[in-house]
N, C-alpha and C. Protein backbone atom coordinates (compact mmCIF):
# COMPACT_ATOMS: atom_id res chain seq x y z
N MET A 1 0.87 -1.21 -0.33
CA MET A 1 -0.10 -0.10 -0.16
C MET A 1 1.29 0.84 -0.21
N ASP A 2 0.48 2.53 -0.21
CA ASP A 2 1.15 3.86 -0.70
C ASP A 2 0.43 5.04 0.12
N ILE A 3 1.56 5.31 0.85
CA ILE A 3 0.67 6.38 1.67
C ILE A 3 1.61 7.65 1.32
N PRO A 4 0.35 8.41 0.45
CA PRO A 4 1.59 9.39 0.21
C PRO A 4 1.08 10.32 1.15
N ILE A 5 2.04 11.53 1.09
CA ILE A 5 2.04 12.29 1.78
C ILE A 5 1.83 13.52 0.53
N ASN A 6 1.34 14.68 1.04
CA ASN A 6 0.55 16.10 0.60
C ASN A 6 -0.40 15.34 -0.28
N ALA A 7 -1.50 14.69 -0.02
CA ALA A 7 -2.32 13.82 -0.55
C ALA A 7 -3.27 14.73 -0.57
N LYS A 8 -4.71 14.38 -0.87
CA LYS A 8 -5.78 15.13 -0.59
C LYS A 8 -6.40 13.33 -0.27
N VAL A 9 -7.51 14.50 1.44
CA VAL A 9 -7.54 12.94 2.13
C VAL A 9 -9.26 13.30 2.40
N TYR A 10 -9.91 12.08 1.74
CA TYR A 10 -11.87 12.84 2.30
C TYR A 10 -12.30 12.29 3.03
N CYS A 11 -12.97 12.74 3.60
CA CYS A 11 -13.76 12.28 4.56
C CYS A 11 -15.49 12.07 4.64
N GLN A 12 -15.99 10.57 3.36
CA GLN A 12 -16.72 10.24 3.37
C GLN A 12 -16.83 10.19 2.14
N ASP A 13 -16.29 10.80 1.82
CA ASP A 13 -16.72 11.20 0.37
C ASP A 13 -16.47 12.97 -0.11
N LYS A 14 -15.72 13.38 0.92
CA LYS A 14 -15.92 14.86 0.61
C LYS A 14 -14.42 15.70 1.25
N LEU A 15 -13.97 16.29 0.43
CA LEU A 15 -12.54 16.52 0.96
C LEU A 15 -12.42 17.10 2.36
N CYS A 16 -11.83 17.05 3.30
CA CYS A 16 -11.84 17.38 4.42
C CYS A 16 -10.25 17.83 4.45
N GLY A 17 -8.72 17.85 3.26
CA GLY A 17 -8.16 17.80 4.43
C GLY A 17 -6.79 17.45 3.12
N ARG A 18 -5.58 17.76 2.97
CA ARG A 18 -4.26 17.11 3.05
C ARG A 18 -3.70 16.13 3.97
N THR A 19 -2.68 15.70 3.43
CA THR A 19 -1.49 14.98 4.81
C THR A 19 -0.62 15.47 4.46
N GLN A 20 0.16 15.89 5.80
CA GLN A 20 0.81 16.51 5.74
C GLN A 20 2.26 15.44 6.44
N ALA A 21 2.26 14.36 6.87
CA ALA A 21 3.56 13.98 7.47
C ALA A 21 3.15 11.97 7.89
N VAL A 22 3.64 11.85 8.36
CA VAL A 22 3.46 10.65 9.03
C VAL A 22 4.05 10.16 10.63
N VAL A 23 3.40 9.37 11.34
CA VAL A 23 3.79 9.43 12.36
C VAL A 23 4.60 8.00 12.89
N LEU A 24 5.57 8.05 13.15
CA LEU A 24 6.48 6.23 13.00
C LEU A 24 7.27 5.83 14.05
N ASN A 25 6.58 4.15 14.35
CA ASN A 25 7.76 3.46 15.54
C ASN A 25 9.08 3.14 14.42
N PRO A 26 9.79 4.38 15.56
CA PRO A 26 11.10 3.91 14.49
C PRO A 26 11.67 2.29 15.36
N ILE A 27 11.45 1.80 16.34
CA ILE A 27 11.50 0.22 15.86
C ILE A 27 11.29 -0.53 15.71
N ASN A 28 10.05 -0.83 15.18
CA ASN A 28 9.56 -1.26 13.72
C ASN A 28 8.95 -1.53 13.34
N ASP A 29 9.59 -0.40 12.88
CA ASP A 29 9.03 0.69 11.80
C ASP A 29 7.13 0.68 10.77
N VAL A 30 6.93 0.96 12.29
CA VAL A 30 5.34 0.76 11.95
C VAL A 30 4.65 1.95 12.11
N ILE A 31 3.72 2.12 11.08
CA ILE A 31 3.04 4.16 10.68
C ILE A 31 2.22 3.90 11.67
N THR A 32 1.57 4.40 12.91
CA THR A 32 0.20 4.31 13.33
C THR A 32 -0.20 5.44 13.27
N HIS A 33 -0.05 6.60 12.77
CA HIS A 33 -0.85 7.54 12.59
C HIS A 33 -0.64 8.04 11.38
N VAL A 34 -1.61 9.10 10.91
CA VAL A 34 -0.85 9.78 9.29
C VAL A 34 -1.76 11.32 10.08
N VAL A 35 -0.94 12.88 9.33
CA VAL A 35 -1.03 13.32 10.09
C VAL A 35 -2.32 14.26 9.39
N VAL A 36 -3.36 14.88 9.69
CA VAL A 36 -4.10 15.72 8.02
C VAL A 36 -4.63 17.02 8.38
N LYS A 37 -3.84 18.37 7.30
CA LYS A 37 -4.08 18.90 7.73
C LYS A 37 -5.56 19.38 7.75
N GLU A 38 -6.57 20.19 8.17
CA GLU A 38 -7.88 20.11 7.70
C GLU A 38 -7.80 22.06 6.77
N SER A 39 -8.86 21.38 5.75
CA SER A 39 -8.40 22.48 4.50
C SER A 39 -9.60 23.39 4.66
N LYS A 40 -10.55 22.97 5.90
CA LYS A 40 -11.33 24.54 6.76
C LYS A 40 -10.66 24.56 7.85
N ASN A 41 -11.45 25.99 8.03
CA ASN A 41 -11.48 26.89 9.73
C ASN A 41 -9.62 27.49 9.42
N SER A 42 -9.66 26.20 10.85
CA SER A 42 -8.26 26.87 11.85
C SER A 42 -6.97 25.69 10.68
N HIS A 43 -6.77 25.65 9.71
CA HIS A 43 -6.21 24.52 9.04
C HIS A 43 -5.50 23.82 10.29
N ALA A 44 -5.96 23.52 11.23
CA ALA A 44 -5.62 22.25 12.40
C ALA A 44 -4.59 20.93 12.03
N GLU A 45 -3.54 20.40 11.91
CA GLU A 45 -3.00 18.98 11.98
C GLU A 45 -3.48 17.86 12.84
N ARG A 46 -4.64 17.62 12.03
CA ARG A 46 -5.43 16.68 13.45
C ARG A 46 -3.60 14.73 12.84
N LEU A 47 -4.61 14.36 14.33
CA LEU A 47 -3.55 12.79 14.60
C LEU A 47 -4.68 12.18 13.94
N VAL A 48 -4.78 11.86 12.75
CA VAL A 48 -5.54 10.74 12.68
C VAL A 48 -4.73 8.78 12.57
N SER A 49 -5.14 8.28 13.70
CA SER A 49 -4.90 6.11 13.59
C SER A 49 -5.57 5.87 12.39
N VAL A 50 -4.05 4.83 11.79
CA VAL A 50 -4.65 4.63 11.12
C VAL A 50 -5.61 3.53 10.78
N ASP A 51 -5.91 3.01 11.61
CA ASP A 51 -7.12 2.07 12.36
C ASP A 51 -8.20 3.02 10.63
N MET A 52 -8.11 4.42 11.24
CA MET A 52 -9.51 5.05 10.60
C MET A 52 -9.00 5.04 9.26
N ILE A 53 -8.86 4.54 8.42
CA ILE A 53 -7.92 5.20 6.46
C ILE A 53 -9.15 3.83 6.65
N ASP A 54 -10.26 4.67 5.72
CA ASP A 54 -10.89 3.34 4.21
C ASP A 54 -9.92 3.21 3.55
N ALA A 55 -9.96 3.69 2.84
CA ALA A 55 -8.09 3.25 1.36
C ALA A 55 -7.39 4.15 1.40
N SER A 56 -6.22 3.49 1.20
CA SER A 56 -4.80 4.27 0.80
C SER A 56 -4.94 4.57 -0.99
N LEU A 57 -4.60 5.48 -2.14
CA LEU A 57 -4.99 5.49 -3.09
C LEU A 57 -3.41 5.99 -3.22
N THR A 58 -2.88 6.32 -4.68
CA THR A 58 -1.84 6.83 -5.07
C THR A 58 -2.14 8.72 -4.87
N ASP A 59 -3.33 9.29 -4.67
CA ASP A 59 -3.05 10.05 -4.34
C ASP A 59 -3.55 11.03 -4.03
N THR A 60 -5.03 10.03 -3.61
CA THR A 60 -5.80 10.04 -2.08
C THR A 60 -5.74 9.45 -1.17
N ILE A 61 -6.23 9.80 0.24
CA ILE A 61 -6.81 8.48 1.42
C ILE A 61 -8.26 8.62 1.73
N HIS A 62 -9.01 7.80 1.79
CA HIS A 62 -10.26 8.38 2.52
C HIS A 62 -10.29 7.80 3.65
N LEU A 63 -10.66 8.08 4.83
CA LEU A 63 -10.71 7.76 5.32
C LEU A 63 -12.82 7.32 6.28
N LYS A 64 -12.09 6.72 6.81
CA LYS A 64 -14.15 6.11 8.51
C LYS A 64 -14.14 6.91 8.30
N LEU A 65 -14.26 8.75 8.91
CA LEU A 65 -14.52 9.31 9.77
C LEU A 65 -15.40 10.22 8.53
N ASN A 66 -16.40 11.21 9.22
CA ASN A 66 -16.86 12.27 8.45
C ASN A 66 -16.10 13.58 9.19
N GLU A 67 -16.70 14.25 8.23
CA GLU A 67 -15.44 16.05 8.61
C GLU A 67 -15.90 16.19 10.21
N ARG A 68 -16.69 16.00 10.95
CA ARG A 68 -16.91 16.16 12.56
C ARG A 68 -16.60 15.77 12.36
N MET A 69 -16.40 14.39 12.20
CA MET A 69 -15.58 13.77 13.96
C MET A 69 -13.80 13.71 13.33
N LEU A 70 -13.52 14.41 12.13
CA LEU A 70 -12.27 15.04 12.10
C LEU A 70 -11.55 15.96 13.21
N GLN A 71 -12.34 16.66 13.64
CA GLN A 71 -12.16 18.05 13.81
C GLN A 71 -12.16 17.69 14.85
N ARG A 72 -12.89 16.41 15.37
CA ARG A 72 -12.74 16.56 17.37
C ARG A 72 -11.74 15.57 17.68
N LEU A 73 -11.09 15.13 16.84
CA LEU A 73 -9.29 14.38 17.13
C LEU A 73 -8.26 15.76 17.05
N PRO A 74 -7.22 14.75 18.07
CA PRO A 74 -5.90 15.40 18.66
C PRO A 74 -5.26 15.81 17.31
N THR A 75 -4.65 17.37 18.07
CA THR A 75 -4.22 18.04 17.55
C THR A 75 -1.92 17.24 17.13
N LEU A 76 -1.01 17.17 16.16
CA LEU A 76 -0.63 17.49 16.21
C LEU A 76 0.37 18.01 17.55
N PHE A 77 0.13 19.26 17.46
CA PHE A 77 1.13 20.16 18.49
C PHE A 77 0.11 21.19 18.98
N ASP A 78 0.10 21.51 20.14
CA ASP A 78 -0.22 23.58 20.72
C ASP A 78 0.43 23.90 20.48
N VAL A 79 0.89 25.77 20.20
CA VAL A 79 1.22 26.81 19.59
C VAL A 79 0.99 27.13 21.57
N GLU A 80 2.64 27.53 22.11
CA GLU A 80 2.60 28.70 23.89
C GLU A 80 3.34 29.47 23.64
N TYR A 81 2.87 30.99 24.12
CA TYR A 81 4.49 31.97 23.59
C TYR A 81 4.75 31.40 24.87
N ILE A 82 6.35 31.48 25.41
CA ILE A 82 6.66 31.99 27.02
C ILE A 82 7.83 33.01 26.21
N GLN A 83 7.63 33.21 27.58
CA GLN A 83 8.22 34.71 28.15
C GLN A 83 9.90 34.17 27.95
N THR A 84 10.73 34.42 27.14
CA THR A 84 12.61 34.94 27.95
C THR A 84 12.72 36.33 27.46
N THR A 85 14.53 36.35 28.30
CA THR A 85 14.73 37.70 28.08
C THR A 85 15.99 37.06 26.49
N VAL A 86 16.69 37.65 26.36
CA VAL A 86 16.90 37.18 25.07
C VAL A 86 18.63 39.19 25.05
N PRO A 87 19.83 38.55 25.19
CA PRO A 87 20.66 40.16 24.98
C PRO A 87 20.29 40.97 23.74
N HIS A 88 20.07 42.51 23.89
CA HIS A 88 20.02 42.88 22.45
C HIS A 88 21.41 43.69 22.76
N PHE A 89 21.86 44.09 21.46
CA PHE A 89 23.11 44.78 21.77
C PHE A 89 23.37 46.05 21.31
N MET A 90 23.98 47.15 21.93
CA MET A 90 24.11 48.67 21.05
C MET A 90 25.03 49.17 21.29
N GLN A 91 24.71 50.50 20.95
CA GLN A 91 26.34 51.10 21.00
C GLN A 91 25.75 51.64 21.39
N ALA A 92 27.24 52.47 22.81
CA ALA A 92 26.62 53.98 23.86
C ALA A 92 28.28 54.57 22.92
N TYR A 93 27.18 55.54 23.39
CA TYR A 93 28.64 57.04 22.65
C TYR A 93 29.50 57.77 23.52
N SER A 94 30.79 57.31 23.67
CA SER A 94 31.21 58.74 24.63
C SER A 94 31.68 59.44 23.50
N ARG A 95 32.70 60.57 24.49
CA ARG A 95 33.32 61.50 23.66
C ARG A 95 34.36 61.03 22.51
N LEU A 96 35.15 59.68 22.89
CA LEU A 96 36.38 59.68 22.22
C LEU A 96 35.77 57.79 21.39
N TYR A 97 35.11 57.65 21.37
CA TYR A 97 34.69 55.96 21.24
C TYR A 97 33.36 55.91 21.00
N LEU A 98 32.77 54.93 20.29
CA LEU A 98 31.85 54.06 20.43
C LEU A 98 32.04 52.76 21.22
N GLU A 99 31.05 52.77 22.74
CA GLU A 99 31.16 51.71 23.10
C GLU A 99 29.71 50.00 23.84
N PRO A 100 29.94 49.75 23.34
CA PRO A 100 29.43 48.73 23.37
C PRO A 100 28.84 47.58 24.65
N VAL A 101 27.02 48.23 24.29
CA VAL A 101 26.41 47.45 25.32
C VAL A 101 24.96 46.33 25.27
N VAL A 102 25.07 45.32 26.45
CA VAL A 102 24.19 45.11 26.27
C VAL A 102 23.48 44.93 27.12
N ILE A 103 21.92 44.85 26.68
CA ILE A 103 20.36 45.38 28.03
C ILE A 103 20.05 44.15 27.58
N PRO A 104 19.61 43.55 28.25
CA PRO A 104 18.20 42.36 28.74
C PRO A 104 17.46 42.98 27.83
N GLU A 105 16.75 42.20 26.83
CA GLU A 105 15.48 42.45 26.47
C GLU A 105 14.57 41.99 26.93
N LYS A 106 12.76 41.69 26.94
CA LYS A 106 11.75 40.61 27.22
C LYS A 106 11.17 40.12 25.74
N ARG A 107 11.18 39.35 25.38
CA ARG A 107 10.39 38.32 24.12
C ARG A 107 9.63 37.24 24.54
N PHE A 108 8.71 37.02 23.71
CA PHE A 108 7.83 36.35 23.07
C PHE A 108 8.45 35.01 22.66
N VAL A 109 8.51 33.98 22.99
CA VAL A 109 9.44 32.89 21.73
C VAL A 109 7.40 31.80 21.71
N GLU A 110 7.56 31.76 19.75
CA GLU A 110 7.19 30.44 20.20
C GLU A 110 7.16 28.93 20.45
N GLU A 111 6.51 28.33 21.70
CA GLU A 111 7.05 27.01 21.55
C GLU A 111 6.23 26.08 21.27
N LYS A 112 5.97 24.63 20.12
CA LYS A 112 5.52 23.84 20.02
C LYS A 112 5.40 23.04 20.83
N LEU A 113 4.07 22.25 21.45
CA LEU A 113 4.22 21.48 22.49
C LEU A 113 3.78 20.15 21.93
N TYR A 114 4.01 18.28 21.35
CA TYR A 114 3.41 17.77 20.09
C TYR A 114 2.91 16.18 20.97
N HIS A 115 1.82 16.42 20.34
CA HIS A 115 0.61 15.18 21.33
C HIS A 115 1.34 13.56 20.16
N ILE A 116 2.72 13.21 20.44
CA ILE A 116 3.03 12.46 20.04
C ILE A 116 3.37 11.46 21.25
N PRO A 117 3.55 9.99 21.33
CA PRO A 117 4.19 9.00 21.68
C PRO A 117 6.04 9.54 21.77
N GLU A 118 6.45 9.33 23.32
CA GLU A 118 7.67 9.81 23.55
C GLU A 118 9.12 9.22 22.20
N ASP A 119 8.37 7.61 22.37
CA ASP A 119 9.38 7.48 21.89
C ASP A 119 8.77 7.01 20.01
N GLU A 120 7.78 7.59 19.84
CA GLU A 120 7.88 7.86 17.76
C GLU A 120 8.15 8.89 17.31
N LEU A 121 7.90 9.30 15.94
CA LEU A 121 8.19 10.73 15.19
C LEU A 121 8.39 10.38 14.37
N ALA A 122 7.24 12.29 13.96
CA ALA A 122 7.01 12.49 12.97
C ALA A 122 7.17 12.71 11.50
N ILE A 123 7.32 12.58 10.62
CA ILE A 123 8.24 12.42 9.18
C ILE A 123 7.14 13.33 9.16
N ASN A 124 7.94 13.95 7.93
CA ASN A 124 7.36 14.76 6.33
C ASN A 124 8.11 14.94 5.31
N ARG A 125 6.87 15.48 4.57
CA ARG A 125 7.10 15.11 3.39
C ARG A 125 8.51 16.44 2.86
N GLY A 126 8.89 15.93 2.63
CA GLY A 126 10.25 16.80 2.60
C GLY A 126 11.92 16.48 3.51
N ALA A 127 10.68 15.88 3.71
CA ALA A 127 12.66 15.38 5.06
C ALA A 127 14.12 15.06 4.01
N VAL A 128 15.20 15.58 4.86
CA VAL A 128 15.69 15.57 3.76
C VAL A 128 16.83 13.84 3.90
N VAL A 129 17.38 13.13 2.73
CA VAL A 129 17.47 12.22 2.48
C VAL A 129 19.40 12.07 3.06
N LEU A 130 19.90 11.59 4.23
CA LEU A 130 21.68 12.01 3.38
C LEU A 130 22.21 10.55 3.41
N SER A 131 23.05 10.40 2.30
CA SER A 131 24.17 8.56 3.24
C SER A 131 25.20 9.39 3.90
N ALA A 132 25.17 7.66 4.02
CA ALA A 132 26.48 7.65 4.80
C ALA A 132 27.45 8.63 4.64
N ASP A 133 28.30 8.99 3.41
CA ASP A 133 28.72 9.49 3.31
C ASP A 133 29.03 10.94 3.09
N GLY A 134 27.33 11.68 3.61
CA GLY A 134 27.14 12.76 4.25
C GLY A 134 26.93 13.32 2.92
N GLN A 135 26.36 12.88 1.59
CA GLN A 135 25.79 13.68 0.58
C GLN A 135 24.22 13.78 1.05
N VAL A 136 23.32 14.68 -0.25
CA VAL A 136 22.37 15.18 0.05
C VAL A 136 21.62 14.07 -1.53
N ILE A 137 21.02 12.54 -0.93
CA ILE A 137 20.07 11.81 -1.96
C ILE A 137 19.08 12.67 -3.11
N GLY A 138 18.30 13.02 -1.71
CA GLY A 138 16.94 13.04 -2.38
C GLY A 138 15.99 14.10 -0.35
N LYS A 139 14.86 13.72 -0.81
CA LYS A 139 13.42 14.28 -0.21
C LYS A 139 13.04 12.90 -0.13
N VAL A 140 11.55 13.04 1.23
CA VAL A 140 11.10 11.37 1.56
C VAL A 140 9.85 12.59 0.55
N ASP A 141 9.01 11.22 -0.12
CA ASP A 141 8.08 11.61 -0.86
C ASP A 141 6.67 10.76 -0.75
N GLU A 142 6.88 9.49 -0.53
CA GLU A 142 6.08 8.98 -0.36
C GLU A 142 6.36 7.57 1.00
N PHE A 143 4.71 7.03 1.65
CA PHE A 143 6.18 5.51 2.38
C PHE A 143 5.07 4.22 1.72
N LEU A 144 5.49 3.46 1.09
CA LEU A 144 5.29 2.25 0.71
C LEU A 144 5.47 0.84 2.41
N VAL A 145 4.01 0.74 2.56
CA VAL A 145 3.99 -0.06 3.75
C VAL A 145 2.97 -1.40 3.59
N ASP A 146 3.30 -2.15 4.54
CA ASP A 146 2.71 -3.56 4.10
C ASP A 146 1.14 -3.08 4.88
N GLN A 147 0.10 -3.74 4.18
CA GLN A 147 -1.25 -3.15 5.14
C GLN A 147 -2.08 -3.99 5.97
N ASN A 148 -0.98 -5.50 5.64
CA ASN A 148 -1.52 -5.80 7.39
C ASN A 148 -1.35 -5.05 8.33
N GLY A 149 0.11 -4.96 8.83
CA GLY A 149 0.21 -4.07 9.88
C GLY A 149 0.98 -3.04 9.70
N TRP A 150 0.64 -2.11 8.66
CA TRP A 150 0.79 -1.04 8.94
C TRP A 150 2.28 -0.84 8.94
N GLN A 151 3.30 -1.54 8.73
CA GLN A 151 5.23 -1.73 7.99
C GLN A 151 5.77 -1.14 7.30
N VAL A 152 6.68 -0.33 7.17
CA VAL A 152 6.92 0.48 6.42
C VAL A 152 8.18 -0.79 5.63
N THR A 153 7.64 -0.48 4.56
CA THR A 153 8.49 -1.94 4.03
C THR A 153 9.94 -1.01 3.21
N HIS A 154 9.71 0.27 2.40
CA HIS A 154 10.00 1.00 1.66
C HIS A 154 10.03 3.01 1.28
N LEU A 155 11.02 3.37 1.58
CA LEU A 155 10.96 5.22 1.85
C LEU A 155 11.67 5.12 -0.19
N ILE A 156 9.84 5.90 -0.70
CA ILE A 156 10.32 6.60 -1.32
C ILE A 156 10.85 8.14 -1.55
N ILE A 157 12.16 8.44 -1.95
CA ILE A 157 12.76 9.35 -2.04
C ILE A 157 13.03 9.76 -3.64
N ARG A 158 12.55 11.56 -3.41
CA ARG A 158 12.60 12.17 -5.15
C ARG A 158 14.09 12.95 -5.48
N GLU A 159 14.78 12.18 -5.63
CA GLU A 159 15.67 12.38 -6.34
C GLU A 159 15.54 13.58 -7.85
N LYS A 160 16.58 15.06 -7.49
CA LYS A 160 15.88 16.70 -8.45
C LYS A 160 17.15 16.41 -9.02
N HIS A 161 17.05 16.62 -10.27
CA HIS A 161 18.82 16.48 -11.04
C HIS A 161 18.27 18.04 -12.04
N ILE A 162 19.17 18.74 -12.77
CA ILE A 162 18.94 19.75 -13.16
C ILE A 162 17.25 19.90 -14.13
N PHE A 163 17.56 18.62 -15.12
CA PHE A 163 16.85 18.95 -16.21
C PHE A 163 15.38 18.07 -15.94
N SER A 164 15.69 16.69 -15.23
CA SER A 164 14.53 15.63 -14.70
C SER A 164 14.41 15.33 -13.26
N GLN A 165 13.95 14.25 -12.40
CA GLN A 165 13.72 14.04 -11.68
C GLN A 165 12.78 12.73 -11.22
N LYS A 166 13.74 11.80 -10.39
CA LYS A 166 13.13 10.42 -10.02
C LYS A 166 12.68 9.61 -9.21
N ASP A 167 12.48 8.65 -8.54
CA ASP A 167 11.90 7.91 -7.69
C ASP A 167 12.97 7.32 -6.97
N VAL A 168 13.20 7.23 -6.52
CA VAL A 168 14.11 5.95 -5.95
C VAL A 168 13.49 5.09 -4.54
N PHE A 169 13.82 3.93 -4.58
CA PHE A 169 12.74 3.01 -3.66
C PHE A 169 14.33 2.83 -3.12
N ILE A 170 14.05 2.83 -1.28
CA ILE A 170 15.57 2.36 0.21
C ILE A 170 14.28 1.55 0.84
N PRO A 171 15.07 0.31 0.84
CA PRO A 171 14.59 -0.75 1.77
C PRO A 171 14.42 0.23 3.46
N VAL A 172 13.72 -0.17 4.15
CA VAL A 172 13.86 0.73 5.00
C VAL A 172 15.00 0.35 6.41
N ALA A 173 14.65 -1.26 6.06
CA ALA A 173 16.50 -1.54 7.05
C ALA A 173 17.13 -0.83 6.66
N GLU A 174 17.52 0.28 5.25
CA GLU A 174 19.31 0.87 5.15
C GLU A 174 18.59 1.98 5.82
N ILE A 175 17.59 2.67 6.72
CA ILE A 175 18.32 3.77 7.57
C ILE A 175 18.67 4.17 8.44
N GLU A 176 19.79 3.99 9.08
CA GLU A 176 20.64 4.55 10.21
C GLU A 176 19.54 5.01 11.03
N ALA A 177 19.54 6.19 10.81
CA ALA A 177 18.90 7.28 11.81
C ALA A 177 17.80 8.26 11.50
N ILE A 178 16.78 8.95 12.44
CA ILE A 178 16.26 9.99 11.60
C ILE A 178 16.60 10.81 12.62
N LYS A 179 17.07 12.40 12.74
CA LYS A 179 17.87 13.12 13.11
C LYS A 179 17.11 14.52 12.96
N GLU A 180 16.67 15.17 13.76
CA GLU A 180 15.70 16.89 13.84
C GLU A 180 15.23 16.59 11.45
N ASN A 181 14.27 15.19 11.40
CA ASN A 181 13.62 15.04 9.87
C ASN A 181 14.57 15.27 8.80
N ASN A 182 16.11 14.88 9.57
CA ASN A 182 17.10 14.16 8.11
C ASN A 182 16.59 12.60 8.28
N LEU A 183 16.90 11.67 7.71
CA LEU A 183 16.57 10.84 7.45
C LEU A 183 18.14 10.46 7.06
N HIS A 184 19.04 9.71 7.71
CA HIS A 184 20.03 9.40 8.12
C HIS A 184 20.56 7.44 7.64
N LEU A 185 21.57 7.21 6.27
CA LEU A 185 21.05 6.26 5.17
C LEU A 185 22.18 5.35 6.15
N LYS A 186 22.51 4.03 5.70
CA LYS A 186 23.69 3.24 6.40
C LYS A 186 24.45 2.87 4.56
N LEU A 187 24.11 3.52 3.97
CA LEU A 187 24.69 3.51 2.31
C LEU A 187 25.40 4.47 1.71
N ASP A 188 26.80 4.78 1.30
CA ASP A 188 27.29 5.82 0.31
C ASP A 188 26.26 5.95 -0.76
N LYS A 189 26.47 7.14 -0.76
CA LYS A 189 25.36 7.55 -2.39
C LYS A 189 25.67 6.53 -3.70
N GLU A 190 27.15 6.28 -3.86
CA GLU A 190 27.13 5.00 -4.65
C GLU A 190 26.11 3.93 -4.68
N HIS A 191 26.11 3.47 -3.69
CA HIS A 191 25.18 1.64 -3.59
C HIS A 191 23.28 2.28 -3.38
N VAL A 192 23.34 3.66 -2.76
CA VAL A 192 22.39 4.51 -3.32
C VAL A 192 21.24 4.52 -4.61
N GLU A 193 22.50 4.82 -5.45
CA GLU A 193 22.10 5.22 -7.29
C GLU A 193 22.25 3.52 -8.16
N ARG A 194 22.16 2.51 -6.85
CA ARG A 194 22.14 1.43 -7.88
C ARG A 194 20.81 0.88 -7.65
N PHE A 195 19.91 1.65 -6.11
CA PHE A 195 18.83 0.97 -5.84
C PHE A 195 17.59 1.33 -7.44
N PRO A 196 16.41 0.62 -7.62
CA PRO A 196 15.67 1.33 -8.90
C PRO A 196 15.37 2.60 -8.86
N ALA A 197 14.81 2.50 -9.64
CA ALA A 197 13.87 4.44 -9.52
C ALA A 197 12.77 4.30 -10.72
N ILE A 198 12.44 5.16 -11.21
CA ILE A 198 11.37 5.57 -11.61
C ILE A 198 10.85 7.14 -12.31
N PRO A 199 11.30 7.47 -13.73
CA PRO A 199 11.56 8.63 -13.44
C PRO A 199 10.12 9.52 -12.98
N VAL A 200 9.98 11.03 -13.00
CA VAL A 200 8.92 11.58 -12.87
C VAL A 200 8.53 12.04 -14.36
N ARG A 201 7.11 11.68 -15.01
CA ARG A 201 6.52 12.03 -15.81
C ARG A 201 6.02 13.83 -15.17
N HIS A 202 6.32 14.55 -16.00
CA HIS A 202 5.94 15.92 -15.80
C HIS A 202 4.47 15.87 -17.14
N LEU A 203 3.94 16.92 -16.81
CA LEU A 203 2.60 17.18 -17.32
C LEU A 203 2.18 17.69 -18.37
N TRP A 204 3.63 18.42 -18.32
CA TRP A 204 4.40 19.51 -19.82
C TRP A 204 5.26 18.10 -20.75
N SER A 205 5.31 16.93 -20.28
CA SER A 205 6.14 16.10 -21.11
C SER A 205 5.70 15.10 -21.78
């Protein structure tokens, strides 16, 4: 089964949003939730359990929920504004020279509080994929999963070149680590280029 990101999401045949990310348990590579950004009202990003997915196609996902039920689900995160003090640099004038002065300044900083289990990760479309030798391979585009257990089998990585782009299928077993929305592979770039790839067709081609 294909789990597309940035795909249209339908709530009982009514368009209700788009997929933004998947929530993954990195221990067993099982997807537990998809993140759906509502198309109306607050554009909240909702955590939708995979049990609520009725069908997942190439570019659409159909839920067992109606739109009102979607709006009752928990959000991926809440935003809080925390007051903090940051240094503010100024120049103090004297008769002979300018003297730097640091004045504490109070500001409000935005902080996101995520509602996913501590042992799980949210992976967004566009997450950067790095090879073992530190080279950028491409960006995460989709996930292939085993429909029976929702276990990820392959990542579909989109490689972009000057005049073309292609999708490369990488087995999930080749992921070394996931850090700060970056995926690090066990393989170097030369080995990655040996995996099967499909050219991406454009509307104008």
